[in-house]
């Protein structure tokens, strides 16, 4: 079954051309030029992934993402002309899974979308059971991309879930930023070290909403990160 992509951009020419290109790649596309109506549609009719512009009237892409994140961990890619490194890091820190700057190639966009969708796919198992990773109060359901801490659910994005899984696989062992990049993005996609830092910061913030004393993810400056089992 083809994946359904929501595309939100107030540039009608770009909206039309990217919609046609994604449909040619086999995706079902729901194009939106109005971000307010797009939000209503996304909350009522779920899709597999959303591609959002940032600079839009009425509601910018960051606000649209913030409202989406109150209800959903839907994978989101920013597609925007805001190309400063700080803009990219801020977008990722707000919960986006990827950030592509304009001008861009369709091949790059399609490649990033396919990579995120692959990462979001449940692994499944022959007997229908779920592969659980249990680390004390932390439980990761790998097949369904579900995470709980002290019995309470955390809404993690695909990227955040894969980063946490990579850290929790071997408690006490240090993971470099490059290792975490490979775990979250695959070895075909390169992101800046600070991108990983932004994601880890957001993961910690989500844990501390549930447990203000959460301190299991330790930063080793100049080396990487370590998950310490409680």
Protein backbone atom coordinates (compact mmCIF):
# COMPACT_ATOMS: atom_id res chain seq x y z
CA UNK A 1 0.00 0.00 0.00
CA UNK A 2 1.55 3.36 -1.00
CA UNK A 3 2.50 5.80 1.74
CA UNK A 4 0.42 8.96 2.08
CA UNK A 5 2.37 12.23 2.31
CA UNK A 6 0.94 15.59 3.42
CA UNK A 7 2.67 18.50 1.68
CA UNK A 8 2.12 21.96 3.17
CA UNK A 9 3.52 25.04 1.39
CA UNK A 10 1.98 28.38 0.44
CA UNK A 11 4.02 28.50 -2.81
CA UNK A 12 1.47 27.14 -5.28
CA UNK A 13 4.04 26.46 -8.01
CA UNK A 14 6.25 24.43 -5.65
CA UNK A 15 3.21 22.68 -4.21
CA UNK A 16 2.10 21.54 -7.66
CA UNK A 17 5.54 20.49 -8.91
CA UNK A 18 6.52 18.56 -5.76
CA UNK A 19 3.10 16.89 -5.61
CA UNK A 20 3.53 15.65 -9.19
CA UNK A 21 7.09 14.48 -8.49
CA UNK A 22 6.10 12.54 -5.35
CA UNK A 23 3.10 10.98 -7.09
CA UNK A 24 5.43 9.88 -9.89
CA UNK A 25 7.46 8.07 -7.19
CA UNK A 26 4.37 6.15 -6.10
CA UNK A 27 3.27 8.21 -3.09
CA UNK A 28 -0.27 9.38 -2.39
CA UNK A 29 0.00 13.14 -1.81
CA UNK A 30 -2.33 15.50 0.03
CA UNK A 31 -1.24 19.04 -0.91
CA UNK A 32 -2.21 22.04 1.26
CA UNK A 33 -1.49 25.72 0.69
CA UNK A 34 -3.33 26.79 3.87
CA UNK A 35 -1.53 25.61 7.05
CA UNK A 36 -4.60 26.10 9.27
CA UNK A 37 -6.73 23.84 7.08
CA UNK A 38 -3.79 21.46 6.77
CA UNK A 39 -3.64 21.07 10.56
CA UNK A 40 -7.36 20.30 10.73
CA UNK A 41 -6.97 17.70 7.99
CA UNK A 42 -3.90 16.09 9.57
CA UNK A 43 -5.67 15.72 12.91
CA UNK A 44 -8.76 14.16 11.35
CA UNK A 45 -7.18 12.08 8.57
CA UNK A 46 -3.77 10.66 9.57
CA UNK A 47 -0.99 10.35 7.01
CA UNK A 48 2.36 8.50 7.04
CA UNK A 49 4.58 11.61 6.88
CA UNK A 50 4.26 15.38 6.52
CA UNK A 51 6.51 17.77 4.60
CA UNK A 52 6.15 21.34 5.92
CA UNK A 53 7.39 24.74 4.80
CA UNK A 54 8.33 27.04 7.67
CA UNK A 55 7.63 30.57 6.40
CA UNK A 56 3.88 30.63 5.74
CA UNK A 57 1.16 33.20 6.52
CA UNK A 58 -1.50 32.62 9.18
CA UNK A 59 0.56 29.84 10.82
CA UNK A 60 4.21 29.08 10.20
CA UNK A 61 5.57 25.55 9.98
CA UNK A 62 7.03 25.66 13.48
CA UNK A 63 3.66 26.47 15.03
CA UNK A 64 2.01 23.84 12.86
CA UNK A 65 4.54 21.28 14.08
CA UNK A 66 4.05 22.34 17.71
CA UNK A 67 0.31 21.80 17.45
CA UNK A 68 0.80 18.46 15.70
CA UNK A 69 3.17 17.30 18.42
CA UNK A 70 0.46 17.83 21.05
CA UNK A 71 -1.47 14.99 19.42
CA UNK A 72 0.89 12.94 17.27
CA UNK A 73 4.44 11.69 16.73
CA UNK A 74 3.89 11.81 12.95
CA UNK A 75 7.23 11.92 11.06
CA UNK A 76 7.83 15.47 9.81
CA UNK A 77 10.31 16.91 7.32
CA UNK A 78 10.86 20.65 7.05
CA UNK A 79 11.36 21.92 3.48
CA UNK A 80 12.32 25.57 3.77
CA UNK A 81 14.43 28.48 2.57
CA UNK A 82 15.62 29.14 6.14
CA UNK A 83 19.07 27.64 5.66
CA UNK A 84 21.08 28.97 8.62
CA UNK A 85 22.50 26.21 10.81
CA UNK A 86 20.77 27.65 13.89
CA UNK A 87 17.43 27.57 12.04
CA UNK A 88 17.98 23.91 11.18
CA UNK A 89 18.92 22.99 14.72
CA UNK A 90 15.95 24.87 16.12
CA UNK A 91 13.58 23.09 13.73
CA UNK A 92 14.98 19.71 14.74
CA UNK A 93 14.85 20.62 18.42
CA UNK A 94 11.13 21.31 18.05
CA UNK A 95 10.49 17.74 16.95
CA UNK A 96 11.13 17.55 13.20
CA UNK A 97 12.74 14.34 11.93
CA UNK A 98 14.62 16.00 9.08
CA UNK A 99 15.30 19.44 7.58
CA UNK A 100 15.90 20.13 3.88
CA UNK A 101 16.74 23.60 2.59
CA UNK A 102 15.57 25.19 -0.66
CA UNK A 103 16.65 24.96 -3.42
CA UNK A 104 16.63 21.17 -3.24
CA UNK A 105 16.60 18.16 -5.51
CA UNK A 106 13.58 15.90 -5.74
CA UNK A 107 15.91 12.90 -5.47
CA UNK A 108 17.14 14.18 -2.10
CA UNK A 109 13.62 14.78 -0.82
CA UNK A 110 12.41 11.35 -1.98
CA UNK A 111 15.48 9.68 -0.48
CA UNK A 112 14.94 11.34 2.90
CA UNK A 113 11.22 10.49 2.90
CA UNK A 114 11.89 6.84 2.07
CA UNK A 115 14.60 6.66 4.75
CA UNK A 116 12.26 8.01 7.44
CA UNK A 117 9.42 5.72 6.40
CA UNK A 118 11.77 2.70 6.54
CA UNK A 119 12.88 3.68 10.01
CA UNK A 120 9.25 4.04 11.10
CA UNK A 121 8.24 0.58 9.88
CA UNK A 122 7.49 -1.91 12.65
CA UNK A 123 9.86 -4.87 12.63
CA UNK A 124 7.11 -7.42 13.25
CA UNK A 125 7.70 -10.97 14.40
CA UNK A 126 6.67 -14.38 13.17
CA UNK A 127 4.49 -15.22 16.19
CA UNK A 128 2.84 -11.79 16.40
CA UNK A 129 4.52 -10.94 19.72
CA UNK A 130 6.19 -7.59 20.36
CA UNK A 131 9.93 -7.17 20.77
CA UNK A 132 10.34 -5.42 24.10
CA UNK A 133 13.50 -3.83 25.44
CA UNK A 134 13.24 -3.42 29.20
CA UNK A 135 15.80 -1.35 31.10
CA UNK A 136 14.45 -0.87 34.61
CA UNK A 137 11.67 1.73 34.40
CA UNK A 138 12.22 2.10 30.65
CA UNK A 139 10.28 -0.10 28.23
CA UNK A 140 10.68 0.16 24.47
CA UNK A 141 8.24 -1.71 22.24
CA UNK A 142 10.36 -1.89 19.09
CA UNK A 143 7.64 -3.26 16.80
CA UNK A 144 5.21 -0.46 17.58
CA UNK A 145 7.70 2.33 18.34
CA UNK A 146 6.19 2.82 21.79
CA UNK A 147 8.12 4.02 24.82
CA UNK A 148 7.14 4.13 28.50
CA UNK A 149 8.98 5.37 31.56
CA UNK A 150 7.70 4.37 35.00
CA UNK A 151 4.59 3.05 33.23
CA UNK A 152 3.81 6.36 31.52
CA UNK A 153 3.94 6.78 27.75
CA UNK A 154 6.31 9.17 25.98
CA UNK A 155 5.43 10.47 22.51
CA UNK A 156 8.76 10.07 20.72
CA UNK A 157 9.37 10.82 17.07
CA UNK A 158 10.91 8.13 14.89
CA UNK A 159 14.35 9.70 15.21
CA UNK A 160 14.08 10.12 18.98
CA UNK A 161 12.94 6.51 19.43
CA UNK A 162 15.87 5.14 17.41
CA UNK A 163 18.38 7.31 19.27
CA UNK A 164 17.03 6.19 22.64
CA UNK A 165 17.01 2.57 21.52
CA UNK A 166 20.67 2.84 20.43
CA UNK A 167 21.64 4.31 23.81
CA UNK A 168 19.62 1.84 25.88
CA UNK A 169 20.82 -1.28 24.07
CA UNK A 170 24.00 -1.38 26.14
CA UNK A 171 23.61 0.57 29.38
CA UNK A 172 26.86 2.02 30.65
CA UNK A 173 28.51 1.95 27.21
CA UNK A 174 29.35 5.21 25.45
CA UNK A 175 27.89 5.92 22.02
CA UNK A 176 29.67 8.48 19.87
CA UNK A 177 27.66 11.01 17.89
CA UNK A 178 28.64 9.22 14.69
CA UNK A 179 27.30 5.92 16.05
CA UNK A 180 24.06 7.62 17.04
CA UNK A 181 23.83 9.24 13.60
CA UNK A 182 24.06 5.81 11.95
CA UNK A 183 21.46 4.37 14.33
CA UNK A 184 18.95 7.15 13.77
CA UNK A 185 19.55 8.09 10.15
CA UNK A 186 21.39 5.20 8.53
CA UNK A 187 24.84 5.39 7.00
CA UNK A 188 23.57 7.01 3.79
CA UNK A 189 22.58 10.28 5.45
CA UNK A 190 24.94 12.72 7.15
CA UNK A 191 23.79 15.26 9.71
CA UNK A 192 25.74 17.67 11.89
CA UNK A 193 26.87 16.61 15.37
CA UNK A 194 24.72 19.38 16.83
CA UNK A 195 21.65 17.75 15.29
CA UNK A 196 22.18 14.73 17.53
CA UNK A 197 22.64 17.06 20.50
CA UNK A 198 19.30 18.74 19.71
CA UNK A 199 17.48 15.41 19.57
CA UNK A 200 19.03 14.18 22.83
CA UNK A 201 18.08 17.44 24.53
CA UNK A 202 14.48 16.99 23.39
CA UNK A 203 14.41 13.36 24.57
CA UNK A 204 15.60 14.40 28.03
CA UNK A 205 12.96 17.15 28.15
CA UNK A 206 10.20 14.61 27.44
CA UNK A 207 11.42 12.27 30.18
CA UNK A 208 11.58 15.13 32.69
CA UNK A 209 7.94 16.01 32.10
CA UNK A 210 7.16 12.58 33.59
CA UNK A 211 10.10 12.37 35.98
CA UNK A 212 11.88 15.65 36.89
CA UNK A 213 14.73 13.63 38.41
CA UNK A 214 15.46 11.74 35.16
CA UNK A 215 19.23 11.67 34.61
CA UNK A 216 19.89 8.37 32.84
CA UNK A 217 21.24 9.94 29.62
CA UNK A 218 24.70 11.24 30.43
CA UNK A 219 26.76 13.56 28.22
CA UNK A 220 30.48 12.80 27.95
CA UNK A 221 31.85 15.98 26.44
CA UNK A 222 34.00 15.40 23.38
CA UNK A 223 33.04 11.70 23.34
CA UNK A 224 29.28 11.17 23.08
CA UNK A 225 26.42 9.94 25.25
CA UNK A 226 25.76 7.07 27.64
CA UNK A 227 22.57 5.56 29.02
CA UNK A 228 22.96 4.59 32.65
CA UNK A 229 20.52 1.99 33.93
CA UNK A 230 18.84 3.08 37.18
